[in-house]
């Protein structure tokens, strides 16, 4: 799908989506489900990856990651701030990787599968982003913050850190992100595609 757009269209489209990521991440930070917020900005990240390819997805994911990192360092994200105070390098690595790879791999999925039909490719891209975003976070906190997560888990009534991460920390949040992405992304891509065809 991305090959049908000119360089100018890609640049303008990417700029618009960057602005949308910033707005959604800023506004969305006020919506909380448990200790974390659903990542509404994954929607424009996935759309960018679908329309313009993996590089655009990675750029949008990186912008999202930088905004998250700012909230972590500033203390606006309380859990992230505690992690940052314990291991700044690991926290920065986790935050930057999870968003950037979520966008990049969504674009890769579309590139590889779009020849067999966009419906399946778009659906799998919409699944890939939250899975990668949440998966890298889960792996990162288990690897680098096991003691901290264990203490949080025990305080919340969980017997082990892994169960707390999967169920208590990101479970509901992940499901909300996945549902939002699966509902909105295919609809928005269809609208954009229809508009593009009407202009050609």
N, C-alpha and C. Protein backbone atom coordinates (compact mmCIF):
# COMPACT_ATOMS: atom_id res chain seq x y z
N UNK A 1 0.82 -1.20 0.00
CA UNK A 1 0.00 0.00 0.00
C UNK A 1 0.86 1.25 0.00
N UNK A 2 2.00 1.23 0.70
CA UNK A 2 2.81 2.42 0.83
C UNK A 2 3.41 2.87 -0.49
N UNK A 3 3.61 1.94 -1.46
CA UNK A 3 4.27 2.27 -2.72
C UNK A 3 3.40 3.15 -3.62
N UNK A 4 2.13 3.27 -3.32
CA UNK A 4 1.23 4.07 -4.13
C UNK A 4 1.26 5.55 -3.75
N UNK A 5 2.01 5.90 -2.73
CA UNK A 5 2.09 7.28 -2.28
C UNK A 5 3.40 7.90 -2.75
N UNK A 6 3.34 9.18 -3.11
CA UNK A 6 4.54 9.90 -3.50
C UNK A 6 5.37 10.24 -2.27
N UNK A 7 6.60 10.70 -2.49
CA UNK A 7 7.47 11.07 -1.37
C UNK A 7 6.85 12.21 -0.57
N UNK A 8 6.28 13.18 -1.27
CA UNK A 8 5.64 14.31 -0.58
C UNK A 8 4.46 13.85 0.25
N UNK A 9 3.63 12.98 -0.30
CA UNK A 9 2.48 12.46 0.44
C UNK A 9 2.92 11.70 1.68
N UNK A 10 4.00 10.94 1.55
CA UNK A 10 4.51 10.20 2.71
C UNK A 10 5.01 11.14 3.79
N UNK A 11 5.74 12.18 3.37
CA UNK A 11 6.27 13.14 4.34
C UNK A 11 5.15 13.88 5.07
N UNK A 12 4.17 14.35 4.30
CA UNK A 12 3.04 15.07 4.89
C UNK A 12 2.23 14.14 5.79
N UNK A 13 1.96 12.93 5.28
CA UNK A 13 1.21 11.96 6.07
C UNK A 13 1.91 11.59 7.36
N UNK A 14 3.22 11.40 7.28
CA UNK A 14 4.00 11.07 8.48
C UNK A 14 3.96 12.22 9.48
N UNK A 15 4.08 13.46 8.99
CA UNK A 15 4.05 14.63 9.87
C UNK A 15 2.70 14.73 10.60
N UNK A 16 1.62 14.50 9.86
CA UNK A 16 0.28 14.54 10.47
C UNK A 16 0.16 13.45 11.54
N UNK A 17 0.65 12.25 11.24
CA UNK A 17 0.56 11.15 12.19
C UNK A 17 1.46 11.38 13.41
N UNK A 18 2.61 12.01 13.22
CA UNK A 18 3.47 12.38 14.36
C UNK A 18 2.71 13.30 15.31
N UNK A 19 2.05 14.32 14.72
CA UNK A 19 1.26 15.25 15.54
C UNK A 19 0.14 14.51 16.29
N UNK A 20 -0.47 13.56 15.60
CA UNK A 20 -1.56 12.78 16.21
C UNK A 20 -1.04 11.91 17.36
N UNK A 21 0.13 11.31 17.16
CA UNK A 21 0.75 10.51 18.23
C UNK A 21 0.99 11.38 19.46
N UNK A 22 1.52 12.57 19.24
CA UNK A 22 1.82 13.48 20.36
C UNK A 22 0.54 13.86 21.10
N UNK A 23 -0.49 14.22 20.34
CA UNK A 23 -1.76 14.63 20.96
C UNK A 23 -2.39 13.47 21.73
N UNK A 24 -2.49 12.31 21.08
CA UNK A 24 -3.14 11.17 21.72
C UNK A 24 -2.38 10.69 22.95
N UNK A 25 -1.05 10.70 22.88
CA UNK A 25 -0.28 10.24 24.03
C UNK A 25 -0.39 11.23 25.19
N UNK A 26 -0.45 12.52 24.85
CA UNK A 26 -0.58 13.55 25.89
C UNK A 26 -1.95 13.48 26.55
N UNK A 27 -3.00 13.41 25.73
CA UNK A 27 -4.36 13.34 26.26
C UNK A 27 -4.61 11.99 26.93
N UNK A 28 -4.14 10.94 26.27
CA UNK A 28 -4.38 9.59 26.77
C UNK A 28 -3.71 9.30 28.10
N UNK A 29 -2.69 10.07 28.46
CA UNK A 29 -2.00 9.84 29.73
C UNK A 29 -2.91 10.09 30.93
N UNK A 30 -4.02 10.79 30.69
CA UNK A 30 -4.96 11.05 31.78
C UNK A 30 -5.98 9.94 31.97
N UNK A 31 -5.99 8.96 31.04
CA UNK A 31 -6.93 7.83 31.13
C UNK A 31 -6.20 6.66 31.76
N UNK A 32 -6.69 6.17 32.88
CA UNK A 32 -6.00 5.09 33.58
C UNK A 32 -6.87 3.86 33.75
N UNK A 33 -6.25 2.69 33.49
CA UNK A 33 -6.87 1.41 33.79
C UNK A 33 -5.86 0.67 34.66
N UNK A 34 -6.13 0.61 35.95
CA UNK A 34 -5.16 0.07 36.88
C UNK A 34 -3.98 1.02 36.99
N UNK A 35 -2.76 0.49 37.06
CA UNK A 35 -1.59 1.33 37.24
C UNK A 35 -1.08 1.96 35.94
N UNK A 36 -1.60 1.52 34.78
CA UNK A 36 -1.10 2.03 33.51
C UNK A 36 -2.23 2.58 32.64
N UNK A 37 -1.87 3.27 31.57
CA UNK A 37 -2.85 3.86 30.67
C UNK A 37 -2.87 3.09 29.35
N UNK A 38 -4.05 2.93 28.73
CA UNK A 38 -4.09 2.30 27.41
C UNK A 38 -3.39 3.18 26.39
N UNK A 39 -2.60 2.59 25.52
CA UNK A 39 -1.80 3.37 24.58
C UNK A 39 -2.61 3.67 23.33
N UNK A 40 -3.36 4.77 23.37
CA UNK A 40 -4.19 5.18 22.24
C UNK A 40 -3.34 5.55 21.03
N UNK A 41 -2.13 6.01 21.27
CA UNK A 41 -1.27 6.45 20.18
C UNK A 41 -0.76 5.29 19.32
N UNK A 42 -1.03 4.05 19.72
CA UNK A 42 -0.66 2.93 18.85
C UNK A 42 -1.45 2.95 17.55
N UNK A 43 -2.66 3.54 17.58
CA UNK A 43 -3.50 3.57 16.38
C UNK A 43 -2.82 4.32 15.23
N UNK A 44 -2.39 5.60 15.42
CA UNK A 44 -1.70 6.27 14.31
C UNK A 44 -0.36 5.62 13.96
N UNK A 45 0.29 5.00 14.94
CA UNK A 45 1.55 4.30 14.65
C UNK A 45 1.29 3.15 13.68
N UNK A 46 0.26 2.37 13.95
CA UNK A 46 -0.08 1.24 13.08
C UNK A 46 -0.52 1.73 11.71
N UNK A 47 -1.32 2.79 11.68
CA UNK A 47 -1.78 3.34 10.41
C UNK A 47 -0.59 3.80 9.56
N UNK A 48 0.37 4.48 10.19
CA UNK A 48 1.56 4.92 9.47
C UNK A 48 2.35 3.75 8.93
N UNK A 49 2.47 2.69 9.73
CA UNK A 49 3.20 1.50 9.29
C UNK A 49 2.50 0.83 8.12
N UNK A 50 1.17 0.81 8.16
CA UNK A 50 0.39 0.19 7.09
C UNK A 50 0.48 0.99 5.79
N UNK A 51 0.30 2.30 5.90
CA UNK A 51 0.25 3.15 4.71
C UNK A 51 1.62 3.43 4.11
N UNK A 52 2.61 3.65 4.96
CA UNK A 52 3.91 4.13 4.47
C UNK A 52 5.09 3.21 4.73
N UNK A 53 4.89 2.11 5.46
CA UNK A 53 5.95 1.13 5.62
C UNK A 53 6.61 1.10 6.99
N UNK A 54 7.51 0.12 7.18
CA UNK A 54 8.16 -0.11 8.47
C UNK A 54 8.95 1.08 9.01
N UNK A 55 9.64 1.83 8.13
CA UNK A 55 10.43 2.96 8.61
C UNK A 55 9.55 4.02 9.24
N UNK A 56 8.43 4.33 8.58
CA UNK A 56 7.49 5.30 9.15
C UNK A 56 6.93 4.78 10.46
N UNK A 57 6.60 3.50 10.51
CA UNK A 57 6.11 2.90 11.75
C UNK A 57 7.12 3.05 12.87
N UNK A 58 8.41 2.82 12.54
CA UNK A 58 9.47 2.95 13.54
C UNK A 58 9.62 4.39 14.01
N UNK A 59 9.54 5.34 13.07
CA UNK A 59 9.65 6.77 13.44
C UNK A 59 8.52 7.16 14.38
N UNK A 60 7.30 6.78 14.03
CA UNK A 60 6.14 7.11 14.86
C UNK A 60 6.25 6.42 16.23
N UNK A 61 6.71 5.17 16.23
CA UNK A 61 6.90 4.46 17.49
C UNK A 61 7.96 5.11 18.35
N UNK A 62 9.00 5.63 17.72
CA UNK A 62 10.07 6.30 18.46
C UNK A 62 9.56 7.60 19.08
N UNK A 63 8.76 8.36 18.32
CA UNK A 63 8.17 9.60 18.86
C UNK A 63 7.32 9.28 20.09
N UNK A 64 6.49 8.26 19.96
CA UNK A 64 5.68 7.81 21.09
C UNK A 64 6.56 7.44 22.29
N UNK A 65 7.65 6.71 22.02
CA UNK A 65 8.55 6.28 23.09
C UNK A 65 9.21 7.46 23.80
N UNK A 66 9.58 8.47 23.03
CA UNK A 66 10.21 9.65 23.63
C UNK A 66 9.23 10.38 24.57
N UNK A 67 7.97 10.47 24.16
CA UNK A 67 6.96 11.11 25.00
C UNK A 67 6.78 10.32 26.30
N UNK A 68 6.72 9.00 26.18
CA UNK A 68 6.61 8.14 27.36
C UNK A 68 7.82 8.34 28.27
N UNK A 69 9.01 8.40 27.67
CA UNK A 69 10.23 8.57 28.44
C UNK A 69 10.24 9.89 29.19
N UNK A 70 9.74 10.93 28.55
CA UNK A 70 9.66 12.25 29.22
C UNK A 70 8.77 12.15 30.46
N UNK A 71 7.64 11.45 30.33
CA UNK A 71 6.74 11.31 31.48
C UNK A 71 7.38 10.47 32.59
N UNK A 72 8.21 9.50 32.19
CA UNK A 72 8.92 8.67 33.17
C UNK A 72 9.96 9.50 33.92
N UNK A 73 10.78 10.22 33.17
CA UNK A 73 11.86 11.00 33.78
C UNK A 73 11.31 12.14 34.63
N UNK A 74 10.21 12.74 34.18
CA UNK A 74 9.62 13.87 34.92
C UNK A 74 8.87 13.43 36.17
N UNK A 75 8.56 12.14 36.26
CA UNK A 75 7.83 11.64 37.41
C UNK A 75 6.33 11.58 37.21
N UNK A 76 5.86 12.01 36.03
CA UNK A 76 4.43 11.94 35.73
C UNK A 76 3.95 10.49 35.70
N UNK A 77 4.80 9.59 35.24
CA UNK A 77 4.53 8.15 35.29
C UNK A 77 5.21 7.62 36.55
N UNK A 78 4.43 7.42 37.61
CA UNK A 78 5.00 7.08 38.91
C UNK A 78 5.75 5.75 38.89
N UNK A 79 5.13 4.72 38.29
CA UNK A 79 5.79 3.42 38.22
C UNK A 79 7.07 3.47 37.42
N UNK A 80 7.01 4.16 36.27
CA UNK A 80 8.19 4.31 35.44
C UNK A 80 9.29 5.09 36.13
N UNK A 81 8.90 6.10 36.91
CA UNK A 81 9.88 6.91 37.63
C UNK A 81 10.64 6.08 38.66
N UNK A 82 9.93 5.17 39.33
CA UNK A 82 10.59 4.28 40.29
C UNK A 82 11.58 3.37 39.57
N UNK A 83 11.17 2.83 38.42
CA UNK A 83 12.06 2.00 37.64
C UNK A 83 13.28 2.79 37.19
N UNK A 84 13.06 4.02 36.73
CA UNK A 84 14.15 4.88 36.26
C UNK A 84 15.15 5.17 37.38
N UNK A 85 14.64 5.37 38.60
CA UNK A 85 15.53 5.66 39.73
C UNK A 85 16.38 4.44 40.11
N UNK A 86 15.88 3.25 39.81
CA UNK A 86 16.63 2.03 40.14
C UNK A 86 17.60 1.63 39.04
N UNK A 87 17.19 1.81 37.79
CA UNK A 87 18.06 1.43 36.67
C UNK A 87 17.69 2.28 35.45
N UNK A 88 18.33 3.42 35.34
CA UNK A 88 17.98 4.38 34.29
C UNK A 88 18.23 3.82 32.89
N UNK A 89 19.36 3.15 32.70
CA UNK A 89 19.72 2.63 31.37
C UNK A 89 18.71 1.60 30.90
N UNK A 90 18.35 0.66 31.77
CA UNK A 90 17.39 -0.38 31.41
C UNK A 90 16.02 0.22 31.12
N UNK A 91 15.63 1.22 31.91
CA UNK A 91 14.32 1.86 31.71
C UNK A 91 14.26 2.55 30.35
N UNK A 92 15.30 3.30 30.02
CA UNK A 92 15.36 4.00 28.73
C UNK A 92 15.33 2.99 27.59
N UNK A 93 16.10 1.92 27.72
CA UNK A 93 16.17 0.88 26.69
C UNK A 93 14.79 0.25 26.46
N UNK A 94 14.12 -0.12 27.53
CA UNK A 94 12.79 -0.75 27.42
C UNK A 94 11.80 0.19 26.75
N UNK A 95 11.77 1.43 27.22
CA UNK A 95 10.79 2.40 26.70
C UNK A 95 11.01 2.67 25.22
N UNK A 96 12.26 2.90 24.83
CA UNK A 96 12.55 3.24 23.43
C UNK A 96 12.34 2.04 22.50
N UNK A 97 12.72 0.85 22.96
CA UNK A 97 12.59 -0.34 22.11
C UNK A 97 11.15 -0.74 21.88
N UNK A 98 10.33 -0.71 22.93
CA UNK A 98 8.99 -1.25 22.81
C UNK A 98 8.13 -0.49 21.81
N UNK A 99 8.20 0.83 21.81
CA UNK A 99 7.41 1.61 20.86
C UNK A 99 7.97 1.56 19.44
N UNK A 100 9.28 1.71 19.34
CA UNK A 100 9.93 1.73 18.03
C UNK A 100 9.74 0.40 17.30
N UNK A 101 9.96 -0.70 18.00
CA UNK A 101 9.80 -2.02 17.38
C UNK A 101 8.34 -2.35 17.09
N UNK A 102 7.43 -1.85 17.92
CA UNK A 102 6.00 -2.08 17.67
C UNK A 102 5.60 -1.49 16.32
N UNK A 103 6.06 -0.27 16.04
CA UNK A 103 5.75 0.35 14.75
C UNK A 103 6.47 -0.31 13.59
N UNK A 104 7.74 -0.62 13.79
CA UNK A 104 8.55 -1.22 12.73
C UNK A 104 8.01 -2.60 12.33
N UNK A 105 7.75 -3.44 13.33
CA UNK A 105 7.31 -4.80 13.03
C UNK A 105 5.89 -4.84 12.46
N UNK A 106 5.06 -3.87 12.82
CA UNK A 106 3.73 -3.77 12.20
C UNK A 106 3.88 -3.53 10.70
N UNK A 107 4.82 -2.66 10.35
CA UNK A 107 5.08 -2.38 8.94
C UNK A 107 5.64 -3.59 8.21
N UNK A 108 6.50 -4.35 8.86
CA UNK A 108 7.06 -5.57 8.28
C UNK A 108 5.95 -6.58 8.00
N UNK A 109 5.03 -6.72 8.95
CA UNK A 109 3.91 -7.66 8.79
C UNK A 109 3.10 -7.31 7.56
N UNK A 110 2.80 -6.03 7.38
CA UNK A 110 2.01 -5.60 6.21
C UNK A 110 2.80 -5.82 4.92
N UNK A 111 4.08 -5.49 4.94
CA UNK A 111 4.92 -5.69 3.75
C UNK A 111 4.92 -7.15 3.30
N UNK A 112 5.01 -8.05 4.25
CA UNK A 112 5.12 -9.48 3.93
C UNK A 112 3.79 -10.12 3.55
N UNK A 113 2.69 -9.59 4.12
CA UNK A 113 1.40 -10.26 3.95
C UNK A 113 0.42 -9.55 3.01
N UNK A 114 0.71 -8.31 2.64
CA UNK A 114 -0.26 -7.53 1.85
C UNK A 114 -0.51 -8.12 0.46
N UNK A 115 0.44 -8.88 -0.06
CA UNK A 115 0.25 -9.49 -1.39
C UNK A 115 -0.89 -10.50 -1.38
N UNK A 116 -1.17 -11.03 -0.20
CA UNK A 116 -2.24 -12.03 -0.08
C UNK A 116 -3.57 -11.42 0.35
N UNK A 117 -3.62 -10.09 0.38
CA UNK A 117 -4.85 -9.41 0.78
C UNK A 117 -4.62 -8.49 1.97
N UNK A 118 -5.15 -7.26 1.87
CA UNK A 118 -4.90 -6.27 2.90
C UNK A 118 -5.69 -6.53 4.18
N UNK A 119 -6.81 -7.21 4.09
CA UNK A 119 -7.64 -7.41 5.28
C UNK A 119 -6.87 -8.16 6.37
N UNK A 120 -6.29 -9.28 5.99
CA UNK A 120 -5.52 -10.07 6.95
C UNK A 120 -4.27 -9.32 7.39
N UNK A 121 -3.60 -8.66 6.44
CA UNK A 121 -2.38 -7.93 6.75
C UNK A 121 -2.64 -6.82 7.76
N UNK A 122 -3.72 -6.06 7.56
CA UNK A 122 -4.07 -4.96 8.46
C UNK A 122 -4.44 -5.49 9.85
N UNK A 123 -5.21 -6.57 9.88
CA UNK A 123 -5.61 -7.16 11.16
C UNK A 123 -4.39 -7.63 11.95
N UNK A 124 -3.46 -8.30 11.26
CA UNK A 124 -2.27 -8.80 11.95
C UNK A 124 -1.34 -7.68 12.37
N UNK A 125 -1.28 -6.60 11.58
CA UNK A 125 -0.49 -5.43 11.97
C UNK A 125 -1.08 -4.80 13.23
N UNK A 126 -2.42 -4.75 13.29
CA UNK A 126 -3.10 -4.18 14.45
C UNK A 126 -2.88 -5.03 15.70
N UNK A 127 -2.66 -6.32 15.50
CA UNK A 127 -2.37 -7.21 16.63
C UNK A 127 -0.90 -7.12 17.02
N UNK A 128 -0.04 -7.01 16.01
CA UNK A 128 1.40 -7.00 16.24
C UNK A 128 1.85 -5.87 17.16
N UNK A 129 1.36 -4.65 16.92
CA UNK A 129 1.82 -3.49 17.68
C UNK A 129 1.61 -3.63 19.19
N UNK A 130 0.39 -3.90 19.66
CA UNK A 130 0.23 -4.04 21.11
C UNK A 130 0.95 -5.26 21.69
N UNK A 131 1.04 -6.34 20.90
CA UNK A 131 1.74 -7.53 21.38
C UNK A 131 3.22 -7.22 21.59
N UNK A 132 3.84 -6.55 20.61
CA UNK A 132 5.26 -6.20 20.71
C UNK A 132 5.48 -5.16 21.81
N UNK A 133 4.64 -4.13 21.83
CA UNK A 133 4.77 -3.06 22.83
C UNK A 133 4.67 -3.63 24.25
N UNK A 134 3.66 -4.45 24.49
CA UNK A 134 3.47 -5.03 25.82
C UNK A 134 4.48 -6.14 26.10
N UNK A 135 4.78 -6.95 25.08
CA UNK A 135 5.71 -8.06 25.25
C UNK A 135 7.10 -7.61 25.66
N UNK A 136 7.62 -6.59 24.99
CA UNK A 136 8.95 -6.08 25.32
C UNK A 136 8.96 -5.49 26.73
N UNK A 137 7.88 -4.81 27.09
CA UNK A 137 7.78 -4.26 28.44
C UNK A 137 7.83 -5.39 29.48
N UNK A 138 7.04 -6.43 29.26
CA UNK A 138 7.00 -7.56 30.20
C UNK A 138 8.36 -8.23 30.33
N UNK A 139 9.00 -8.49 29.20
CA UNK A 139 10.33 -9.13 29.22
C UNK A 139 11.33 -8.23 29.93
N UNK A 140 11.26 -6.94 29.63
CA UNK A 140 12.20 -5.98 30.23
C UNK A 140 12.08 -5.89 31.73
N UNK A 141 10.87 -5.79 32.24
CA UNK A 141 10.72 -5.64 33.69
C UNK A 141 11.08 -6.94 34.42
N UNK A 142 10.81 -8.09 33.79
CA UNK A 142 11.20 -9.37 34.41
C UNK A 142 12.73 -9.50 34.45
N UNK A 143 13.39 -9.10 33.37
CA UNK A 143 14.85 -9.22 33.29
C UNK A 143 15.58 -8.24 34.20
N UNK A 144 15.11 -6.99 34.22
CA UNK A 144 15.88 -5.94 34.89
C UNK A 144 15.29 -5.46 36.22
N UNK A 145 14.01 -5.77 36.46
CA UNK A 145 13.36 -5.23 37.66
C UNK A 145 12.61 -6.32 38.43
N UNK A 146 13.18 -7.51 38.45
CA UNK A 146 12.47 -8.64 39.05
C UNK A 146 12.13 -8.39 40.53
N UNK A 147 13.10 -7.91 41.30
CA UNK A 147 12.87 -7.68 42.73
C UNK A 147 11.79 -6.62 42.95
N UNK A 148 11.85 -5.55 42.17
CA UNK A 148 10.86 -4.49 42.31
C UNK A 148 9.46 -5.00 41.96
N UNK A 149 9.36 -5.72 40.83
CA UNK A 149 8.07 -6.25 40.40
C UNK A 149 7.55 -7.29 41.39
N UNK A 150 8.45 -8.08 41.96
CA UNK A 150 8.05 -9.07 42.96
C UNK A 150 7.41 -8.39 44.17
N UNK A 151 8.03 -7.29 44.61
CA UNK A 151 7.49 -6.58 45.77
C UNK A 151 6.13 -5.97 45.46
N UNK A 152 5.99 -5.43 44.24
CA UNK A 152 4.69 -4.88 43.82
C UNK A 152 3.66 -6.00 43.76
N UNK A 153 4.07 -7.14 43.22
CA UNK A 153 3.16 -8.27 43.09
C UNK A 153 2.68 -8.79 44.44
N UNK A 154 3.62 -8.91 45.39
CA UNK A 154 3.26 -9.38 46.73
C UNK A 154 2.29 -8.42 47.41
N UNK A 155 2.52 -7.12 47.21
CA UNK A 155 1.62 -6.12 47.79
C UNK A 155 0.23 -6.20 47.18
N UNK A 156 0.17 -6.65 45.92
CA UNK A 156 -1.12 -6.76 45.23
C UNK A 156 -1.76 -8.15 45.40
N UNK A 157 -1.07 -9.03 46.13
CA UNK A 157 -1.63 -10.35 46.41
C UNK A 157 -1.26 -11.44 45.42
N UNK A 158 -0.22 -11.22 44.61
CA UNK A 158 0.23 -12.22 43.64
C UNK A 158 1.39 -13.02 44.22
N UNK A 159 1.45 -14.31 43.89
CA UNK A 159 2.48 -15.18 44.44
C UNK A 159 3.83 -15.04 43.75
N UNK A 160 3.82 -14.68 42.47
CA UNK A 160 5.10 -14.50 41.77
C UNK A 160 5.07 -13.31 40.83
N UNK A 161 6.25 -12.86 40.46
CA UNK A 161 6.38 -11.64 39.66
C UNK A 161 5.78 -11.81 38.26
N UNK A 162 5.99 -12.98 37.67
CA UNK A 162 5.49 -13.19 36.30
C UNK A 162 3.97 -13.07 36.24
N UNK A 163 3.29 -13.69 37.18
CA UNK A 163 1.83 -13.61 37.21
C UNK A 163 1.36 -12.18 37.40
N UNK A 164 2.07 -11.44 38.25
CA UNK A 164 1.69 -10.04 38.48
C UNK A 164 1.86 -9.21 37.22
N UNK A 165 2.99 -9.41 36.50
CA UNK A 165 3.23 -8.65 35.28
C UNK A 165 2.15 -8.93 34.24
N UNK A 166 1.88 -10.22 34.00
CA UNK A 166 0.95 -10.61 32.95
C UNK A 166 -0.50 -10.27 33.29
N UNK A 167 -0.90 -10.55 34.53
CA UNK A 167 -2.29 -10.38 34.91
C UNK A 167 -2.55 -9.03 35.56
N UNK A 168 -1.76 -8.69 36.56
CA UNK A 168 -2.02 -7.48 37.34
C UNK A 168 -1.54 -6.20 36.72
N UNK A 169 -0.38 -6.24 36.09
CA UNK A 169 0.25 -5.01 35.61
C UNK A 169 -0.21 -4.60 34.23
N UNK A 170 -0.28 -5.54 33.29
CA UNK A 170 -0.59 -5.17 31.90
C UNK A 170 -1.77 -5.91 31.29
N UNK A 171 -2.36 -6.85 32.01
CA UNK A 171 -3.41 -7.69 31.43
C UNK A 171 -4.58 -6.93 30.84
N UNK A 172 -5.29 -6.17 31.66
CA UNK A 172 -6.46 -5.42 31.20
C UNK A 172 -6.04 -4.35 30.21
N UNK A 173 -4.93 -3.68 30.51
CA UNK A 173 -4.42 -2.63 29.64
C UNK A 173 -4.15 -3.16 28.23
N UNK A 174 -3.52 -4.33 28.15
CA UNK A 174 -3.21 -4.94 26.86
C UNK A 174 -4.48 -5.27 26.09
N UNK A 175 -5.46 -5.85 26.76
CA UNK A 175 -6.70 -6.21 26.09
C UNK A 175 -7.43 -4.98 25.55
N UNK A 176 -7.42 -3.89 26.32
CA UNK A 176 -8.06 -2.65 25.86
C UNK A 176 -7.35 -2.12 24.62
N UNK A 177 -6.01 -2.10 24.64
CA UNK A 177 -5.23 -1.65 23.49
C UNK A 177 -5.53 -2.50 22.26
N UNK A 178 -5.55 -3.80 22.45
CA UNK A 178 -5.79 -4.72 21.34
C UNK A 178 -7.16 -4.50 20.72
N UNK A 179 -8.18 -4.36 21.54
CA UNK A 179 -9.54 -4.13 21.05
C UNK A 179 -9.64 -2.81 20.30
N UNK A 180 -9.07 -1.75 20.87
CA UNK A 180 -9.09 -0.43 20.21
C UNK A 180 -8.42 -0.51 18.84
N UNK A 181 -7.25 -1.14 18.79
CA UNK A 181 -6.50 -1.24 17.53
C UNK A 181 -7.25 -2.05 16.48
N UNK A 182 -7.81 -3.18 16.90
CA UNK A 182 -8.52 -4.05 15.96
C UNK A 182 -9.78 -3.39 15.41
N UNK A 183 -10.42 -2.54 16.22
CA UNK A 183 -11.64 -1.87 15.76
C UNK A 183 -11.32 -0.66 14.89
N UNK A 184 -10.42 0.19 15.35
CA UNK A 184 -10.21 1.47 14.68
C UNK A 184 -9.29 1.42 13.46
N UNK A 185 -8.21 0.67 13.54
CA UNK A 185 -7.22 0.70 12.46
C UNK A 185 -7.80 0.29 11.11
N UNK A 186 -8.47 -0.85 10.96
CA UNK A 186 -9.01 -1.22 9.65
C UNK A 186 -10.01 -0.19 9.10
N UNK A 187 -10.82 0.37 9.99
CA UNK A 187 -11.81 1.37 9.57
C UNK A 187 -11.12 2.60 9.02
N UNK A 188 -10.13 3.11 9.76
CA UNK A 188 -9.43 4.33 9.35
C UNK A 188 -8.66 4.11 8.05
N UNK A 189 -8.02 2.95 7.92
CA UNK A 189 -7.26 2.66 6.70
C UNK A 189 -8.20 2.62 5.50
N UNK A 190 -9.38 2.04 5.66
CA UNK A 190 -10.36 2.01 4.56
C UNK A 190 -10.78 3.41 4.15
N UNK A 191 -11.01 4.27 5.14
CA UNK A 191 -11.41 5.65 4.85
C UNK A 191 -10.31 6.37 4.08
N UNK A 192 -9.07 6.23 4.55
CA UNK A 192 -7.94 6.88 3.88
C UNK A 192 -7.78 6.37 2.45
N UNK A 193 -7.90 5.06 2.28
CA UNK A 193 -7.77 4.46 0.95
C UNK A 193 -8.87 4.95 0.02
N UNK A 194 -10.09 5.04 0.54
CA UNK A 194 -11.22 5.52 -0.27
C UNK A 194 -11.02 6.97 -0.68
N UNK A 195 -10.52 7.79 0.22
CA UNK A 195 -10.25 9.19 -0.09
C UNK A 195 -9.17 9.32 -1.14
N UNK A 196 -8.13 8.50 -1.02
CA UNK A 196 -7.04 8.54 -1.98
C UNK A 196 -7.53 8.16 -3.38
N UNK A 197 -8.38 7.14 -3.44
CA UNK A 197 -8.89 6.70 -4.74
C UNK A 197 -9.79 7.76 -5.38
N UNK A 198 -10.56 8.46 -4.54
CA UNK A 198 -11.46 9.49 -5.07
C UNK A 198 -10.72 10.69 -5.62
N UNK A 199 -9.47 10.87 -5.08
CA UNK A 199 -8.67 12.02 -5.55
C UNK A 199 -7.88 11.68 -6.80
N UNK A 200 -7.71 10.39 -7.10
CA UNK A 200 -6.88 9.99 -8.25
C UNK A 200 -7.68 10.00 -9.55
